[in-house]
Amino acid sequence: VGSSFVHFNYTPNQDKATPSMMGNVHQGVM
C-alpha cells in the first residue's frame, strides 16, 4: 500500500459496513 493512502471506511449514513478485501483467504493462505 503506497504512502498517503486512505481506506474510506465511514459513510455519510454513519456506519462502517465497509470492509474491503484485497485478495482472498482460501488462496492467500498458501
All heavy atoms as atom14 arrays in JSON, in Angstrom:
{
  "sequence": "VGSSFVHFNYTPNQDKATPSMMGNVHQGVM",
  "atom14_mask": [
    [1, 1, 1, 1, 1, 1, 1, 0, 0, 0, 0, 0, 0, 0],
    [1, 1, 1, 1, 0, 0, 0, 0, 0, 0, 0, 0, 0, 0],
    [1, 1, 1, 1, 1, 1, 0, 0, 0, 0, 0, 0, 0, 0],
    [1, 1, 1, 1, 1, 1, 0, 0, 0, 0, 0, 0, 0, 0],
    [1, 1, 1, 1, 1, 1, 1, 1, 1, 1, 1, 0, 0, 0],
    [1, 1, 1, 1, 1, 1, 1, 0, 0, 0, 0, 0, 0, 0],
    [1, 1, 1, 1, 1, 1, 1, 1, 1, 1, 0, 0, 0, 0],
    [1, 1, 1, 1, 1, 1, 1, 1, 1, 1, 1, 0, 0, 0],
    [1, 1, 1, 1, 1, 1, 1, 1, 0, 0, 0, 0, 0, 0],
    [1, 1, 1, 1, 1, 1, 1, 1, 1, 1, 1, 1, 0, 0],
    [1, 1, 1, 1, 1, 1, 1, 0, 0, 0, 0, 0, 0, 0],
    [1, 1, 1, 1, 1, 1, 1, 0, 0, 0, 0, 0, 0, 0],
    [1, 1, 1, 1, 1, 1, 1, 1, 0, 0, 0, 0, 0, 0],
    [1, 1, 1, 1, 1, 1, 1, 1, 1, 0, 0, 0, 0, 0],
    [1, 1, 1, 1, 1, 1, 1, 1, 0, 0, 0, 0, 0, 0],
    [1, 1, 1, 1, 1, 1, 1, 1, 1, 0, 0, 0, 0, 0],
    [1, 1, 1, 1, 1, 0, 0, 0, 0, 0, 0, 0, 0, 0],
    [1, 1, 1, 1, 1, 1, 1, 0, 0, 0, 0, 0, 0, 0],
    [1, 1, 1, 1, 1, 1, 1, 0, 0, 0, 0, 0, 0, 0],
    [1, 1, 1, 1, 1, 1, 0, 0, 0, 0, 0, 0, 0, 0],
    [1, 1, 1, 1, 1, 1, 1, 1, 0, 0, 0, 0, 0, 0],
    [1, 1, 1, 1, 1, 1, 1, 1, 0, 0, 0, 0, 0, 0],
    [1, 1, 1, 1, 0, 0, 0, 0, 0, 0, 0, 0, 0, 0],
    [1, 1, 1, 1, 1, 1, 1, 1, 0, 0, 0, 0, 0, 0],
    [1, 1, 1, 1, 1, 1, 1, 0, 0, 0, 0, 0, 0, 0],
    [1, 1, 1, 1, 1, 1, 1, 1, 1, 1, 0, 0, 0, 0],
    [1, 1, 1, 1, 1, 1, 1, 1, 1, 0, 0, 0, 0, 0],
    [1, 1, 1, 1, 0, 0, 0, 0, 0, 0, 0, 0, 0, 0],
    [1, 1, 1, 1, 1, 1, 1, 0, 0, 0, 0, 0, 0, 0],
    [1, 1, 1, 1, 1, 1, 1, 1, 0, 0, 0, 0, 0, 0]
  ],
  "atom14_positions": [
    [[0.86, -1.18, 0.0], [0.0, 0.0, 0.0], [0.9, 1.23, 0.0], [1.72, 1.41, 0.91], [-0.93, 0.02, 1.22], [-1.83, 1.26, 1.2], [-1.76, -1.24, 1.29], [0.0, 0.0, 0.0], [0.0, 0.0, 0.0], [0.0, 0.0, 0.0], [0.0, 0.0, 0.0], [0.0, 0.0, 0.0], [0.0, 0.0, 0.0], [0.0, 0.0, 0.0]],
    [[0.77, 2.07, -1.03], [1.63, 3.24, -1.15], [1.34, 4.3, -0.11], [0.26, 4.34, 0.51], [0.0, 0.0, 0.0], [0.0, 0.0, 0.0], [0.0, 0.0, 0.0], [0.0, 0.0, 0.0], [0.0, 0.0, 0.0], [0.0, 0.0, 0.0], [0.0, 0.0, 0.0], [0.0, 0.0, 0.0], [0.0, 0.0, 0.0], [0.0, 0.0, 0.0]],
    [[2.28, 5.17, 0.09], [2.17, 6.21, 1.11], [1.0, 7.16, 0.83], [0.59, 7.36, -0.32], [3.47, 7.02, 1.18], [4.52, 6.2, 1.64], [0.0, 0.0, 0.0], [0.0, 0.0, 0.0], [0.0, 0.0, 0.0], [0.0, 0.0, 0.0], [0.0, 0.0, 0.0], [0.0, 0.0, 0.0], [0.0, 0.0, 0.0], [0.0, 0.0, 0.0]],
    [[0.45, 7.71, 1.89], [-0.68, 8.65, 1.83], [-1.92, 8.0, 1.24], [-2.69, 8.65, 0.52], [-0.3, 9.9, 1.03], [0.8, 10.55, 1.61], [0.0, 0.0, 0.0], [0.0, 0.0, 0.0], [0.0, 0.0, 0.0], [0.0, 0.0, 0.0], [0.0, 0.0, 0.0], [0.0, 0.0, 0.0], [0.0, 0.0, 0.0], [0.0, 0.0, 0.0]],
    [[-2.15, 6.74, 1.58], [-3.32, 6.0, 1.1], [-4.38, 5.99, 2.2], [-4.05, 5.92, 3.38], [-2.93, 4.57, 0.73], [-3.96, 3.84, -0.07], [-3.92, 3.83, -1.45], [-5.0, 3.15, 0.55], [-4.87, 3.17, -2.2], [-5.96, 2.49, -0.17], [-5.89, 2.49, -1.56], [0.0, 0.0, 0.0], [0.0, 0.0, 0.0], [0.0, 0.0, 0.0]],
    [[-5.65, 6.02, 1.77], [-6.76, 6.01, 2.73], [-7.79, 4.97, 2.32], [-8.17, 4.89, 1.14], [-7.46, 7.39, 2.8], [-8.66, 7.34, 3.74], [-6.48, 8.47, 3.26], [0.0, 0.0, 0.0], [0.0, 0.0, 0.0], [0.0, 0.0, 0.0], [0.0, 0.0, 0.0], [0.0, 0.0, 0.0], [0.0, 0.0, 0.0], [0.0, 0.0, 0.0]],
    [[-8.21, 4.15, 3.29], [-9.4, 3.34, 3.08], [-10.57, 4.09, 3.72], [-10.62, 4.26, 4.93], [-9.26, 1.96, 3.74], [-10.48, 1.12, 3.57], [-11.21, 0.65, 4.64], [-11.11, 0.67, 2.46], [-12.23, -0.07, 4.19], [-12.2, -0.06, 2.87], [0.0, 0.0, 0.0], [0.0, 0.0, 0.0], [0.0, 0.0, 0.0], [0.0, 0.0, 0.0]],
    [[-11.5, 4.55, 2.88], [-12.64, 5.31, 3.37], [-13.66, 4.33, 3.94], [-14.36, 3.64, 3.21], [-13.24, 6.14, 2.24], [-12.28, 7.15, 1.67], [-11.61, 6.92, 0.49], [-12.03, 8.34, 2.35], [-10.71, 7.85, -0.03], [-11.14, 9.28, 1.84], [-10.48, 9.03, 0.65], [0.0, 0.0, 0.0], [0.0, 0.0, 0.0], [0.0, 0.0, 0.0]],
    [[-13.72, 4.28, 5.27], [-14.48, 3.22, 5.94], [-15.64, 3.74, 6.78], [-16.21, 3.0, 7.58], [-13.54, 2.39, 6.84], [-13.0, 3.21, 8.0], [-12.76, 4.4, 7.87], [-12.8, 2.57, 9.14], [0.0, 0.0, 0.0], [0.0, 0.0, 0.0], [0.0, 0.0, 0.0], [0.0, 0.0, 0.0], [0.0, 0.0, 0.0], [0.0, 0.0, 0.0]],
    [[-16.0, 5.0, 6.59], [-17.11, 5.57, 7.35], [-17.99, 6.34, 6.38], [-17.51, 7.2, 5.64], [-16.6, 6.5, 8.45], [-17.67, 6.96, 9.42], [-18.21, 6.08, 10.34], [-18.13, 8.28, 9.4], [-19.19, 6.5, 11.23], [-19.1, 8.7, 10.29], [-19.63, 7.81, 11.21], [-20.59, 8.22, 12.09], [0.0, 0.0, 0.0], [0.0, 0.0, 0.0]],
    [[-19.28, 6.01, 6.36], [-20.17, 6.54, 5.33], [-20.95, 7.76, 5.81], [-21.06, 7.99, 7.03], [-21.18, 5.46, 4.88], [-22.18, 5.33, 5.89], [-20.49, 4.12, 4.66], [0.0, 0.0, 0.0], [0.0, 0.0, 0.0], [0.0, 0.0, 0.0], [0.0, 0.0, 0.0], [0.0, 0.0, 0.0], [0.0, 0.0, 0.0], [0.0, 0.0, 0.0]],
    [[-21.54, 8.53, 4.89], [-22.39, 9.65, 5.3], [-23.6, 9.21, 6.12], [-24.2, 10.02, 6.83], [-22.83, 10.26, 3.96], [-21.77, 9.86, 2.99], [-21.33, 8.5, 3.43], [0.0, 0.0, 0.0], [0.0, 0.0, 0.0], [0.0, 0.0, 0.0], [0.0, 0.0, 0.0], [0.0, 0.0, 0.0], [0.0, 0.0, 0.0], [0.0, 0.0, 0.0]],
    [[-23.98, 7.91, 6.0], [-25.08, 7.39, 6.8], [-24.6, 6.88, 8.16], [-25.34, 6.21, 8.88], [-25.8, 6.27, 6.05], [-26.56, 6.81, 4.85], [-27.29, 7.79, 4.97], [-26.4, 6.19, 3.7], [0.0, 0.0, 0.0], [0.0, 0.0, 0.0], [0.0, 0.0, 0.0], [0.0, 0.0, 0.0], [0.0, 0.0, 0.0], [0.0, 0.0, 0.0]],
    [[-23.34, 7.16, 8.49], [-22.77, 6.93, 9.81], [-22.71, 5.45, 10.18], [-23.08, 5.05, 11.29], [-23.56, 7.73, 10.86], [-23.57, 9.22, 10.58], [-24.34, 10.02, 11.6], [-24.91, 9.47, 12.53], [-24.34, 11.33, 11.45], [0.0, 0.0, 0.0], [0.0, 0.0, 0.0], [0.0, 0.0, 0.0], [0.0, 0.0, 0.0], [0.0, 0.0, 0.0]],
    [[-22.24, 4.65, 9.23], [-22.0, 3.23, 9.52], [-20.63, 2.85, 8.99], [-19.99, 3.58, 8.24], [-23.08, 2.35, 8.88], [-23.01, 2.35, 7.37], [-22.18, 1.59, 6.83], [-23.75, 3.11, 6.73], [0.0, 0.0, 0.0], [0.0, 0.0, 0.0], [0.0, 0.0, 0.0], [0.0, 0.0, 0.0], [0.0, 0.0, 0.0], [0.0, 0.0, 0.0]],
    [[-20.18, 1.68, 9.43], [-18.89, 1.14, 8.97], [-19.07, -0.26, 8.39], [-18.23, -1.15, 8.6], [-17.88, 1.1, 10.12], [-17.37, 2.47, 10.54], [-16.25, 2.34, 11.56], [-15.7, 3.7, 11.95], [-14.57, 3.58, 12.93], [0.0, 0.0, 0.0], [0.0, 0.0, 0.0], [0.0, 0.0, 0.0], [0.0, 0.0, 0.0], [0.0, 0.0, 0.0]],
    [[-20.16, -0.46, 7.67], [-20.36, -1.73, 6.96], [-19.56, -1.68, 5.67], [-20.08, -1.85, 4.57], [-21.84, -1.96, 6.68], [0.0, 0.0, 0.0], [0.0, 0.0, 0.0], [0.0, 0.0, 0.0], [0.0, 0.0, 0.0], [0.0, 0.0, 0.0], [0.0, 0.0, 0.0], [0.0, 0.0, 0.0], [0.0, 0.0, 0.0], [0.0, 0.0, 0.0]],
    [[-18.25, -1.45, 5.83], [-17.4, -1.09, 4.69], [-16.13, -1.91, 4.55], [-15.14, -1.43, 4.02], [-17.0, 0.39, 4.81], [-16.43, 0.61, 6.12], [-18.19, 1.31, 4.62], [0.0, 0.0, 0.0], [0.0, 0.0, 0.0], [0.0, 0.0, 0.0], [0.0, 0.0, 0.0], [0.0, 0.0, 0.0], [0.0, 0.0, 0.0], [0.0, 0.0, 0.0]],
    [[-16.07, -3.16, 5.03], [-14.79, -3.88, 4.97], [-14.4, -4.21, 3.54], [-15.22, -4.66, 2.74], [-15.08, -5.15, 5.78], [-16.54, -5.38, 5.59], [-17.15, -4.0, 5.57], [0.0, 0.0, 0.0], [0.0, 0.0, 0.0], [0.0, 0.0, 0.0], [0.0, 0.0, 0.0], [0.0, 0.0, 0.0], [0.0, 0.0, 0.0], [0.0, 0.0, 0.0]],
    [[-13.15, -3.98, 3.21], [-12.64, -4.26, 1.86], [-11.63, -5.39, 1.9], [-10.9, -5.56, 2.88], [-11.99, -3.01, 1.27], [-12.97, -2.01, 1.03], [0.0, 0.0, 0.0], [0.0, 0.0, 0.0], [0.0, 0.0, 0.0], [0.0, 0.0, 0.0], [0.0, 0.0, 0.0], [0.0, 0.0, 0.0], [0.0, 0.0, 0.0], [0.0, 0.0, 0.0]],
    [[-11.62, -6.18, 0.83], [-10.7, -7.33, 0.73], [-9.81, -7.19, -0.49], [-10.3, -7.01, -1.61], [-11.47, -8.65, 0.64], [-12.25, -9.0, 1.89], [-12.79, -10.75, 1.92], [-11.28, -11.54, 2.48], [0.0, 0.0, 0.0], [0.0, 0.0, 0.0], [0.0, 0.0, 0.0], [0.0, 0.0, 0.0], [0.0, 0.0, 0.0], [0.0, 0.0, 0.0]],
    [[-8.52, -7.28, -0.27], [-7.54, -7.36, -1.34], [-7.0, -8.78, -1.36], [-6.27, -9.19, -0.46], [-6.41, -6.36, -1.09], [-6.73, -4.93, -1.55], [-8.25, -4.23, -0.87], [-7.8, -3.97, 0.84], [0.0, 0.0, 0.0], [0.0, 0.0, 0.0], [0.0, 0.0, 0.0], [0.0, 0.0, 0.0], [0.0, 0.0, 0.0], [0.0, 0.0, 0.0]],
    [[-7.4, -9.53, -2.4], [-7.11, -10.96, -2.4], [-8.22, -11.71, -1.68], [-9.31, -11.19, -1.47], [0.0, 0.0, 0.0], [0.0, 0.0, 0.0], [0.0, 0.0, 0.0], [0.0, 0.0, 0.0], [0.0, 0.0, 0.0], [0.0, 0.0, 0.0], [0.0, 0.0, 0.0], [0.0, 0.0, 0.0], [0.0, 0.0, 0.0], [0.0, 0.0, 0.0]],
    [[-7.94, -12.94, -1.26], [-8.93, -13.72, -0.51], [-8.21, -14.65, 0.45], [-6.98, -14.74, 0.45], [-9.84, -14.51, -1.46], [-9.07, -15.47, -2.36], [-8.25, -16.27, -1.88], [-9.3, -15.41, -3.66], [0.0, 0.0, 0.0], [0.0, 0.0, 0.0], [0.0, 0.0, 0.0], [0.0, 0.0, 0.0], [0.0, 0.0, 0.0], [0.0, 0.0, 0.0]],
    [[-8.98, -15.32, 1.28], [-8.39, -16.19, 2.3], [-7.98, -17.54, 1.73], [-6.84, -17.99, 1.95], [-9.38, -16.39, 3.48], [-8.88, -17.48, 4.43], [-9.58, -15.08, 4.22], [0.0, 0.0, 0.0], [0.0, 0.0, 0.0], [0.0, 0.0, 0.0], [0.0, 0.0, 0.0], [0.0, 0.0, 0.0], [0.0, 0.0, 0.0], [0.0, 0.0, 0.0]],
    [[-8.87, -18.2, 0.98], [-8.62, -19.59, 0.62], [-7.41, -19.77, -0.29], [-6.77, -20.83, -0.26], [-9.88, -20.23, -0.01], [-10.31, -19.62, -1.29], [-11.14, -18.53, -1.35], [-10.03, -19.95, -2.58], [-11.38, -18.22, -2.61], [-10.71, -19.06, -3.37], [0.0, 0.0, 0.0], [0.0, 0.0, 0.0], [0.0, 0.0, 0.0], [0.0, 0.0, 0.0]],
    [[-7.07, -18.77, -1.08], [-5.84, -18.83, -1.87], [-4.69, -18.12, -1.15], [-3.54, -18.55, -1.21], [-6.06, -18.18, -3.23], [-7.0, -18.95, -4.15], [-7.28, -18.19, -5.43], [-7.8, -17.06, -5.39], [-6.95, -18.78, -6.56], [0.0, 0.0, 0.0], [0.0, 0.0, 0.0], [0.0, 0.0, 0.0], [0.0, 0.0, 0.0], [0.0, 0.0, 0.0]],
    [[-5.02, -17.03, -0.46], [-3.98, -16.22, 0.17], [-3.16, -16.95, 1.2], [-1.96, -16.7, 1.34], [0.0, 0.0, 0.0], [0.0, 0.0, 0.0], [0.0, 0.0, 0.0], [0.0, 0.0, 0.0], [0.0, 0.0, 0.0], [0.0, 0.0, 0.0], [0.0, 0.0, 0.0], [0.0, 0.0, 0.0], [0.0, 0.0, 0.0], [0.0, 0.0, 0.0]],
    [[-3.78, -17.87, 1.94], [-3.04, -18.58, 3.0], [-1.91, -19.44, 2.43], [-0.98, -19.79, 3.17], [-3.98, -19.47, 3.85], [-4.93, -18.63, 4.66], [-4.72, -20.48, 2.98], [0.0, 0.0, 0.0], [0.0, 0.0, 0.0], [0.0, 0.0, 0.0], [0.0, 0.0, 0.0], [0.0, 0.0, 0.0], [0.0, 0.0, 0.0], [0.0, 0.0, 0.0]],
    [[-1.97, -19.77, 1.16], [-0.94, -20.63, 0.56], [0.33, -19.86, 0.19], [1.32, -20.47, -0.23], [-1.51, -21.36, -0.66], [-2.7, -22.24, -0.33], [-2.32, -23.43, 1.0], [-3.96, -24.11, 1.33], [0.0, 0.0, 0.0], [0.0, 0.0, 0.0], [0.0, 0.0, 0.0], [0.0, 0.0, 0.0], [0.0, 0.0, 0.0], [0.0, 0.0, 0.0]]
  ]
}
